[in-house]
Amino acid sequence: NLGEAVHLGHTVTRNDTIAVNLDGDLLKYSGFVPTVATI
């Protein structure tokens, strides 16, 4: 996710988070303002 944030003139990549909820859904949290997608 390049280009979502710029700090001091440099593009900043954001690390994503992967999680499994109690229902067994594999979720991906990504972005500067996190969005959730079901994998």
All heavy atoms as atom14 arrays in JSON, in Angstrom:
{
  "sequence": "NLGEAVHLGHTVTRNDTIAVNLDGDLLKYSGFVPTVATI",
  "atom14_mask": [
    [1, 1, 1, 1, 1, 1, 1, 1, 0, 0, 0, 0, 0, 0],
    [1, 1, 1, 1, 1, 1, 1, 1, 0, 0, 0, 0, 0, 0],
    [1, 1, 1, 1, 0, 0, 0, 0, 0, 0, 0, 0, 0, 0],
    [1, 1, 1, 1, 1, 1, 1, 1, 1, 0, 0, 0, 0, 0],
    [1, 1, 1, 1, 1, 0, 0, 0, 0, 0, 0, 0, 0, 0],
    [1, 1, 1, 1, 1, 1, 1, 0, 0, 0, 0, 0, 0, 0],
    [1, 1, 1, 1, 1, 1, 1, 1, 1, 1, 0, 0, 0, 0],
    [1, 1, 1, 1, 1, 1, 1, 1, 0, 0, 0, 0, 0, 0],
    [1, 1, 1, 1, 0, 0, 0, 0, 0, 0, 0, 0, 0, 0],
    [1, 1, 1, 1, 1, 1, 1, 1, 1, 1, 0, 0, 0, 0],
    [1, 1, 1, 1, 1, 1, 1, 0, 0, 0, 0, 0, 0, 0],
    [1, 1, 1, 1, 1, 1, 1, 0, 0, 0, 0, 0, 0, 0],
    [1, 1, 1, 1, 1, 1, 1, 0, 0, 0, 0, 0, 0, 0],
    [1, 1, 1, 1, 1, 1, 1, 1, 1, 1, 1, 0, 0, 0],
    [1, 1, 1, 1, 1, 1, 1, 1, 0, 0, 0, 0, 0, 0],
    [1, 1, 1, 1, 1, 1, 1, 1, 0, 0, 0, 0, 0, 0],
    [1, 1, 1, 1, 1, 1, 1, 0, 0, 0, 0, 0, 0, 0],
    [1, 1, 1, 1, 1, 1, 1, 1, 0, 0, 0, 0, 0, 0],
    [1, 1, 1, 1, 1, 0, 0, 0, 0, 0, 0, 0, 0, 0],
    [1, 1, 1, 1, 1, 1, 1, 0, 0, 0, 0, 0, 0, 0],
    [1, 1, 1, 1, 1, 1, 1, 1, 0, 0, 0, 0, 0, 0],
    [1, 1, 1, 1, 1, 1, 1, 1, 0, 0, 0, 0, 0, 0],
    [1, 1, 1, 1, 1, 1, 1, 1, 0, 0, 0, 0, 0, 0],
    [1, 1, 1, 1, 0, 0, 0, 0, 0, 0, 0, 0, 0, 0],
    [1, 1, 1, 1, 1, 1, 1, 1, 0, 0, 0, 0, 0, 0],
    [1, 1, 1, 1, 1, 1, 1, 1, 0, 0, 0, 0, 0, 0],
    [1, 1, 1, 1, 1, 1, 1, 1, 0, 0, 0, 0, 0, 0],
    [1, 1, 1, 1, 1, 1, 1, 1, 1, 0, 0, 0, 0, 0],
    [1, 1, 1, 1, 1, 1, 1, 1, 1, 1, 1, 1, 0, 0],
    [1, 1, 1, 1, 1, 1, 0, 0, 0, 0, 0, 0, 0, 0],
    [1, 1, 1, 1, 0, 0, 0, 0, 0, 0, 0, 0, 0, 0],
    [1, 1, 1, 1, 1, 1, 1, 1, 1, 1, 1, 0, 0, 0],
    [1, 1, 1, 1, 1, 1, 1, 0, 0, 0, 0, 0, 0, 0],
    [1, 1, 1, 1, 1, 1, 1, 0, 0, 0, 0, 0, 0, 0],
    [1, 1, 1, 1, 1, 1, 1, 0, 0, 0, 0, 0, 0, 0],
    [1, 1, 1, 1, 1, 1, 1, 0, 0, 0, 0, 0, 0, 0],
    [1, 1, 1, 1, 1, 0, 0, 0, 0, 0, 0, 0, 0, 0],
    [1, 1, 1, 1, 1, 1, 1, 0, 0, 0, 0, 0, 0, 0],
    [1, 1, 1, 1, 1, 1, 1, 1, 0, 0, 0, 0, 0, 0]
  ],
  "atom14_positions": [
    [[0.82, -1.2, 0.0], [0.0, 0.0, 0.0], [0.86, 1.27, 0.0], [0.81, 2.07, 0.91], [-0.99, -0.01, 1.16], [-0.33, -0.4, 2.47], [0.88, -0.52, 2.55], [-1.13, -0.61, 3.49], [0.0, 0.0, 0.0], [0.0, 0.0, 0.0], [0.0, 0.0, 0.0], [0.0, 0.0, 0.0], [0.0, 0.0, 0.0], [0.0, 0.0, 0.0]],
    [[1.62, 1.44, -1.05], [2.45, 2.63, -1.19], [1.59, 3.85, -1.49], [0.52, 3.75, -2.07], [3.46, 2.44, -2.33], [4.51, 1.36, -2.11], [5.26, 1.11, -3.4], [5.46, 1.77, -1.02], [0.0, 0.0, 0.0], [0.0, 0.0, 0.0], [0.0, 0.0, 0.0], [0.0, 0.0, 0.0], [0.0, 0.0, 0.0], [0.0, 0.0, 0.0]],
    [[2.08, 4.98, -1.12], [1.41, 6.21, -1.49], [0.25, 6.61, -0.61], [-0.4, 7.61, -0.88], [0.0, 0.0, 0.0], [0.0, 0.0, 0.0], [0.0, 0.0, 0.0], [0.0, 0.0, 0.0], [0.0, 0.0, 0.0], [0.0, 0.0, 0.0], [0.0, 0.0, 0.0], [0.0, 0.0, 0.0], [0.0, 0.0, 0.0], [0.0, 0.0, 0.0]],
    [[0.0, 5.88, 0.43], [-1.12, 6.23, 1.3], [-0.76, 7.31, 2.29], [-1.61, 7.99, 2.79], [-1.64, 5.0, 2.02], [-2.29, 4.03, 1.08], [-3.09, 3.0, 1.81], [-3.31, 3.16, 3.02], [-3.52, 2.05, 1.18], [0.0, 0.0, 0.0], [0.0, 0.0, 0.0], [0.0, 0.0, 0.0], [0.0, 0.0, 0.0], [0.0, 0.0, 0.0]],
    [[0.52, 7.47, 2.56], [0.95, 8.5, 3.49], [2.3, 9.03, 3.05], [3.12, 8.31, 2.5], [1.04, 7.94, 4.91], [0.0, 0.0, 0.0], [0.0, 0.0, 0.0], [0.0, 0.0, 0.0], [0.0, 0.0, 0.0], [0.0, 0.0, 0.0], [0.0, 0.0, 0.0], [0.0, 0.0, 0.0], [0.0, 0.0, 0.0], [0.0, 0.0, 0.0]],
    [[2.52, 10.3, 3.28], [3.8, 10.92, 2.97], [4.29, 11.6, 4.24], [3.56, 12.35, 4.89], [3.68, 11.94, 1.82], [5.0, 12.63, 1.59], [3.18, 11.26, 0.56], [0.0, 0.0, 0.0], [0.0, 0.0, 0.0], [0.0, 0.0, 0.0], [0.0, 0.0, 0.0], [0.0, 0.0, 0.0], [0.0, 0.0, 0.0], [0.0, 0.0, 0.0]],
    [[5.52, 11.28, 4.61], [6.12, 11.86, 5.81], [7.44, 12.49, 5.43], [8.33, 11.81, 4.92], [6.32, 10.78, 6.87], [6.95, 11.29, 8.13], [6.3, 12.14, 8.98], [8.18, 11.09, 8.66], [7.1, 12.42, 9.99], [8.24, 11.8, 9.81], [0.0, 0.0, 0.0], [0.0, 0.0, 0.0], [0.0, 0.0, 0.0], [0.0, 0.0, 0.0]],
    [[7.58, 13.79, 5.63], [8.79, 14.53, 5.29], [9.19, 14.32, 3.83], [10.35, 14.18, 3.5], [9.94, 14.15, 6.22], [9.72, 14.44, 7.72], [10.87, 13.92, 8.55], [9.5, 15.93, 7.96], [0.0, 0.0, 0.0], [0.0, 0.0, 0.0], [0.0, 0.0, 0.0], [0.0, 0.0, 0.0], [0.0, 0.0, 0.0], [0.0, 0.0, 0.0]],
    [[8.19, 14.26, 2.96], [8.44, 14.12, 1.53], [8.69, 12.72, 1.04], [8.96, 12.5, -0.13], [0.0, 0.0, 0.0], [0.0, 0.0, 0.0], [0.0, 0.0, 0.0], [0.0, 0.0, 0.0], [0.0, 0.0, 0.0], [0.0, 0.0, 0.0], [0.0, 0.0, 0.0], [0.0, 0.0, 0.0], [0.0, 0.0, 0.0], [0.0, 0.0, 0.0]],
    [[8.61, 11.72, 1.92], [8.86, 10.33, 1.54], [7.57, 9.51, 1.67], [6.84, 9.66, 2.63], [9.94, 9.69, 2.42], [11.25, 10.38, 2.31], [12.08, 10.22, 1.23], [11.86, 11.26, 3.13], [13.16, 10.96, 1.4], [13.06, 11.61, 2.55], [0.0, 0.0, 0.0], [0.0, 0.0, 0.0], [0.0, 0.0, 0.0], [0.0, 0.0, 0.0]],
    [[7.34, 8.65, 0.7], [6.19, 7.76, 0.77], [6.42, 6.73, 1.88], [7.51, 6.19, 2.01], [5.99, 7.03, -0.57], [5.84, 8.01, -1.59], [4.76, 6.14, -0.55], [0.0, 0.0, 0.0], [0.0, 0.0, 0.0], [0.0, 0.0, 0.0], [0.0, 0.0, 0.0], [0.0, 0.0, 0.0], [0.0, 0.0, 0.0], [0.0, 0.0, 0.0]],
    [[5.4, 6.48, 2.65], [5.49, 5.57, 3.78], [4.6, 4.36, 3.51], [3.43, 4.51, 3.19], [5.02, 6.26, 5.08], [5.07, 5.31, 6.26], [5.84, 7.51, 5.34], [0.0, 0.0, 0.0], [0.0, 0.0, 0.0], [0.0, 0.0, 0.0], [0.0, 0.0, 0.0], [0.0, 0.0, 0.0], [0.0, 0.0, 0.0], [0.0, 0.0, 0.0]],
    [[5.16, 3.17, 3.61], [4.34, 1.97, 3.52], [3.82, 1.62, 4.91], [4.48, 1.88, 5.91], [5.12, 0.76, 2.96], [6.24, 0.52, 3.79], [5.57, 1.0, 1.54], [0.0, 0.0, 0.0], [0.0, 0.0, 0.0], [0.0, 0.0, 0.0], [0.0, 0.0, 0.0], [0.0, 0.0, 0.0], [0.0, 0.0, 0.0], [0.0, 0.0, 0.0]],
    [[2.68, 1.04, 4.96], [2.09, 0.63, 6.23], [2.04, -0.89, 6.26], [1.65, -1.53, 5.28], [0.67, 1.17, 6.38], [0.59, 2.66, 6.36], [1.16, 3.22, 7.63], [1.09, 4.68, 7.57], [1.67, 5.46, 8.44], [2.38, 4.96, 9.41], [1.57, 6.76, 8.33], [0.0, 0.0, 0.0], [0.0, 0.0, 0.0], [0.0, 0.0, 0.0]],
    [[2.46, -1.45, 7.37], [2.37, -2.89, 7.53], [0.92, -3.28, 7.77], [0.17, -2.55, 8.41], [3.24, -3.36, 8.68], [4.71, -3.24, 8.36], [5.1, -3.35, 7.2], [5.52, -3.0, 9.36], [0.0, 0.0, 0.0], [0.0, 0.0, 0.0], [0.0, 0.0, 0.0], [0.0, 0.0, 0.0], [0.0, 0.0, 0.0], [0.0, 0.0, 0.0]],
    [[0.55, -4.41, 7.22], [-0.8, -4.92, 7.38], [-0.85, -5.89, 8.55], [0.18, -6.42, 8.99], [-1.25, -5.64, 6.1], [-1.27, -4.71, 4.9], [-1.57, -3.52, 5.08], [-0.97, -5.17, 3.8], [0.0, 0.0, 0.0], [0.0, 0.0, 0.0], [0.0, 0.0, 0.0], [0.0, 0.0, 0.0], [0.0, 0.0, 0.0], [0.0, 0.0, 0.0]],
    [[-2.05, -6.16, 9.03], [-2.27, -7.1, 10.11], [-3.27, -8.14, 9.64], [-4.26, -7.8, 9.0], [-2.82, -6.38, 11.36], [-1.9, -5.36, 11.74], [-3.03, -7.33, 12.5], [0.0, 0.0, 0.0], [0.0, 0.0, 0.0], [0.0, 0.0, 0.0], [0.0, 0.0, 0.0], [0.0, 0.0, 0.0], [0.0, 0.0, 0.0], [0.0, 0.0, 0.0]],
    [[-2.98, -9.39, 9.92], [-3.88, -10.5, 9.59], [-4.4, -11.07, 10.91], [-3.63, -11.27, 11.85], [-3.14, -11.61, 8.8], [-2.49, -11.03, 7.54], [-4.07, -12.77, 8.49], [-3.43, -10.56, 6.48], [0.0, 0.0, 0.0], [0.0, 0.0, 0.0], [0.0, 0.0, 0.0], [0.0, 0.0, 0.0], [0.0, 0.0, 0.0], [0.0, 0.0, 0.0]],
    [[-5.69, -11.33, 11.0], [-6.29, -11.85, 12.23], [-7.39, -12.84, 11.9], [-7.99, -12.8, 10.83], [-6.85, -10.7, 13.07], [0.0, 0.0, 0.0], [0.0, 0.0, 0.0], [0.0, 0.0, 0.0], [0.0, 0.0, 0.0], [0.0, 0.0, 0.0], [0.0, 0.0, 0.0], [0.0, 0.0, 0.0], [0.0, 0.0, 0.0], [0.0, 0.0, 0.0]],
    [[-7.64, -13.74, 12.85], [-8.76, -14.68, 12.75], [-9.7, -14.36, 13.9], [-9.28, -14.33, 15.06], [-8.29, -16.15, 12.85], [-9.48, -17.1, 12.79], [-7.28, -16.47, 11.75], [0.0, 0.0, 0.0], [0.0, 0.0, 0.0], [0.0, 0.0, 0.0], [0.0, 0.0, 0.0], [0.0, 0.0, 0.0], [0.0, 0.0, 0.0], [0.0, 0.0, 0.0]],
    [[-10.99, -14.12, 13.58], [-11.96, -13.83, 14.65], [-12.6, -15.12, 15.16], [-12.29, -16.21, 14.67], [-13.01, -12.8, 14.19], [-13.89, -13.31, 13.07], [-13.97, -14.5, 12.79], [-14.58, -12.39, 12.42], [0.0, 0.0, 0.0], [0.0, 0.0, 0.0], [0.0, 0.0, 0.0], [0.0, 0.0, 0.0], [0.0, 0.0, 0.0], [0.0, 0.0, 0.0]],
    [[-13.47, -15.01, 16.15], [-14.08, -16.2, 16.76], [-14.94, -16.99, 15.79], [-15.15, -18.19, 15.97], [-14.91, -15.78, 17.97], [-14.11, -15.24, 19.16], [-15.05, -14.71, 20.24], [-13.19, -16.29, 19.71], [0.0, 0.0, 0.0], [0.0, 0.0, 0.0], [0.0, 0.0, 0.0], [0.0, 0.0, 0.0], [0.0, 0.0, 0.0], [0.0, 0.0, 0.0]],
    [[-15.46, -16.35, 14.73], [-16.26, -17.04, 13.72], [-15.4, -17.78, 12.71], [-15.93, -18.48, 11.84], [-17.16, -16.05, 12.98], [-18.23, -15.45, 13.88], [-18.67, -16.16, 14.82], [-18.62, -14.3, 13.63], [0.0, 0.0, 0.0], [0.0, 0.0, 0.0], [0.0, 0.0, 0.0], [0.0, 0.0, 0.0], [0.0, 0.0, 0.0], [0.0, 0.0, 0.0]],
    [[-14.07, -17.61, 12.78], [-13.18, -18.28, 11.85], [-12.9, -17.49, 10.59], [-12.33, -18.01, 9.64], [0.0, 0.0, 0.0], [0.0, 0.0, 0.0], [0.0, 0.0, 0.0], [0.0, 0.0, 0.0], [0.0, 0.0, 0.0], [0.0, 0.0, 0.0], [0.0, 0.0, 0.0], [0.0, 0.0, 0.0], [0.0, 0.0, 0.0], [0.0, 0.0, 0.0]],
    [[-13.29, -16.21, 10.56], [-13.02, -15.37, 9.4], [-11.58, -14.9, 9.44], [-11.1, -14.42, 10.47], [-13.94, -14.14, 9.39], [-15.41, -14.52, 9.32], [-15.73, -15.57, 8.73], [-16.23, -13.76, 9.86], [0.0, 0.0, 0.0], [0.0, 0.0, 0.0], [0.0, 0.0, 0.0], [0.0, 0.0, 0.0], [0.0, 0.0, 0.0], [0.0, 0.0, 0.0]],
    [[-10.86, -15.05, 8.33], [-9.49, -14.55, 8.19], [-9.59, -13.13, 7.65], [-10.12, -12.92, 6.56], [-8.69, -15.45, 7.25], [-7.22, -15.14, 7.08], [-6.47, -15.31, 8.4], [-6.62, -16.04, 6.01], [0.0, 0.0, 0.0], [0.0, 0.0, 0.0], [0.0, 0.0, 0.0], [0.0, 0.0, 0.0], [0.0, 0.0, 0.0], [0.0, 0.0, 0.0]],
    [[-9.12, -12.16, 8.43], [-9.31, -10.75, 8.11], [-7.97, -10.07, 7.87], [-6.98, -10.37, 8.52], [-10.02, -10.04, 9.26], [-11.35, -10.66, 9.7], [-11.83, -10.02, 10.99], [-12.38, -10.54, 8.61], [0.0, 0.0, 0.0], [0.0, 0.0, 0.0], [0.0, 0.0, 0.0], [0.0, 0.0, 0.0], [0.0, 0.0, 0.0], [0.0, 0.0, 0.0]],
    [[-7.96, -9.12, 6.94], [-6.77, -8.33, 6.65], [-7.08, -6.88, 6.97], [-8.04, -6.3, 6.46], [-6.38, -8.45, 5.18], [-5.2, -7.58, 4.78], [-4.84, -7.77, 3.32], [-5.95, -7.51, 2.36], [-6.24, -6.14, 2.02], [0.0, 0.0, 0.0], [0.0, 0.0, 0.0], [0.0, 0.0, 0.0], [0.0, 0.0, 0.0], [0.0, 0.0, 0.0]],
    [[-6.28, -6.29, 7.84], [-6.39, -4.88, 8.2], [-5.23, -4.17, 7.5], [-4.07, -4.52, 7.7], [-6.26, -4.68, 9.71], [-7.41, -5.29, 10.48], [-7.42, -6.64, 10.8], [-8.48, -4.51, 10.88], [-8.48, -7.2, 11.5], [-9.53, -5.06, 11.6], [-9.52, -6.41, 11.9], [-10.56, -6.95, 12.58], [0.0, 0.0, 0.0], [0.0, 0.0, 0.0]],
    [[-5.54, -3.18, 6.67], [-4.47, -2.52, 5.92], [-4.75, -1.04, 5.75], [-5.89, -0.6, 5.84], [-4.28, -3.18, 4.55], [-5.44, -3.05, 3.77], [0.0, 0.0, 0.0], [0.0, 0.0, 0.0], [0.0, 0.0, 0.0], [0.0, 0.0, 0.0], [0.0, 0.0, 0.0], [0.0, 0.0, 0.0], [0.0, 0.0, 0.0], [0.0, 0.0, 0.0]],
    [[-3.69, -0.31, 5.48], [-3.82, 1.1, 5.14], [-3.52, 2.04, 6.28], [-3.4, 1.65, 7.44], [0.0, 0.0, 0.0], [0.0, 0.0, 0.0], [0.0, 0.0, 0.0], [0.0, 0.0, 0.0], [0.0, 0.0, 0.0], [0.0, 0.0, 0.0], [0.0, 0.0, 0.0], [0.0, 0.0, 0.0], [0.0, 0.0, 0.0], [0.0, 0.0, 0.0]],
    [[-3.33, 3.29, 5.92], [-3.04, 4.34, 6.89], [-4.22, 4.52, 7.84], [-4.06, 4.63, 9.04], [-2.72, 5.65, 6.16], [-2.34, 6.77, 7.07], [-1.14, 6.73, 7.77], [-3.17, 7.86, 7.24], [-0.77, 7.76, 8.61], [-2.82, 8.89, 8.08], [-1.61, 8.84, 8.77], [0.0, 0.0, 0.0], [0.0, 0.0, 0.0], [0.0, 0.0, 0.0]],
    [[-5.41, 4.57, 7.28], [-6.64, 4.5, 8.07], [-7.15, 3.08, 7.8], [-7.65, 2.8, 6.72], [-7.68, 5.55, 7.62], [-8.97, 5.39, 8.38], [-7.1, 6.95, 7.76], [0.0, 0.0, 0.0], [0.0, 0.0, 0.0], [0.0, 0.0, 0.0], [0.0, 0.0, 0.0], [0.0, 0.0, 0.0], [0.0, 0.0, 0.0], [0.0, 0.0, 0.0]],
    [[-6.97, 2.16, 8.76], [-7.2, 0.74, 8.48], [-8.57, 0.41, 7.9], [-9.59, 0.9, 8.36], [-7.03, 0.09, 9.85], [-6.17, 1.02, 10.6], [-6.56, 2.39, 10.12], [0.0, 0.0, 0.0], [0.0, 0.0, 0.0], [0.0, 0.0, 0.0], [0.0, 0.0, 0.0], [0.0, 0.0, 0.0], [0.0, 0.0, 0.0], [0.0, 0.0, 0.0]],
    [[-8.54, -0.39, 6.87], [-9.75, -0.96, 6.3], [-9.68, -2.47, 6.53], [-8.6, -3.03, 6.65], [-9.86, -0.67, 4.79], [-8.7, -1.19, 4.14], [-9.97, 0.82, 4.52], [0.0, 0.0, 0.0], [0.0, 0.0, 0.0], [0.0, 0.0, 0.0], [0.0, 0.0, 0.0], [0.0, 0.0, 0.0], [0.0, 0.0, 0.0], [0.0, 0.0, 0.0]],
    [[-10.83, -3.1, 6.6], [-10.89, -4.53, 6.87], [-11.44, -5.25, 5.65], [-12.45, -4.84, 5.09], [-11.79, -4.83, 8.09], [-11.82, -6.32, 8.38], [-11.34, -4.05, 9.3], [0.0, 0.0, 0.0], [0.0, 0.0, 0.0], [0.0, 0.0, 0.0], [0.0, 0.0, 0.0], [0.0, 0.0, 0.0], [0.0, 0.0, 0.0], [0.0, 0.0, 0.0]],
    [[-10.76, -6.33, 5.27], [-11.24, -7.18, 4.17], [-11.21, -8.63, 4.64], [-10.26, -9.05, 5.3], [-10.36, -7.0, 2.95], [0.0, 0.0, 0.0], [0.0, 0.0, 0.0], [0.0, 0.0, 0.0], [0.0, 0.0, 0.0], [0.0, 0.0, 0.0], [0.0, 0.0, 0.0], [0.0, 0.0, 0.0], [0.0, 0.0, 0.0], [0.0, 0.0, 0.0]],
    [[-12.23, -9.38, 4.3], [-12.25, -10.8, 4.63], [-11.5, -11.56, 3.55], [-11.82, -11.47, 2.37], [-13.69, -11.32, 4.74], [-14.37, -10.58, 5.75], [-13.73, -12.8, 5.09], [0.0, 0.0, 0.0], [0.0, 0.0, 0.0], [0.0, 0.0, 0.0], [0.0, 0.0, 0.0], [0.0, 0.0, 0.0], [0.0, 0.0, 0.0], [0.0, 0.0, 0.0]],
    [[-10.47, -12.31, 3.97], [-9.69, -13.12, 3.04], [-10.38, -14.45, 2.82], [-10.39, -14.99, 1.72], [-8.26, -13.32, 3.57], [-7.55, -11.97, 3.67], [-7.48, -14.28, 2.69], [-6.19, -12.03, 4.33], [0.0, 0.0, 0.0], [0.0, 0.0, 0.0], [0.0, 0.0, 0.0], [0.0, 0.0, 0.0], [0.0, 0.0, 0.0], [0.0, 0.0, 0.0]]
  ]
}
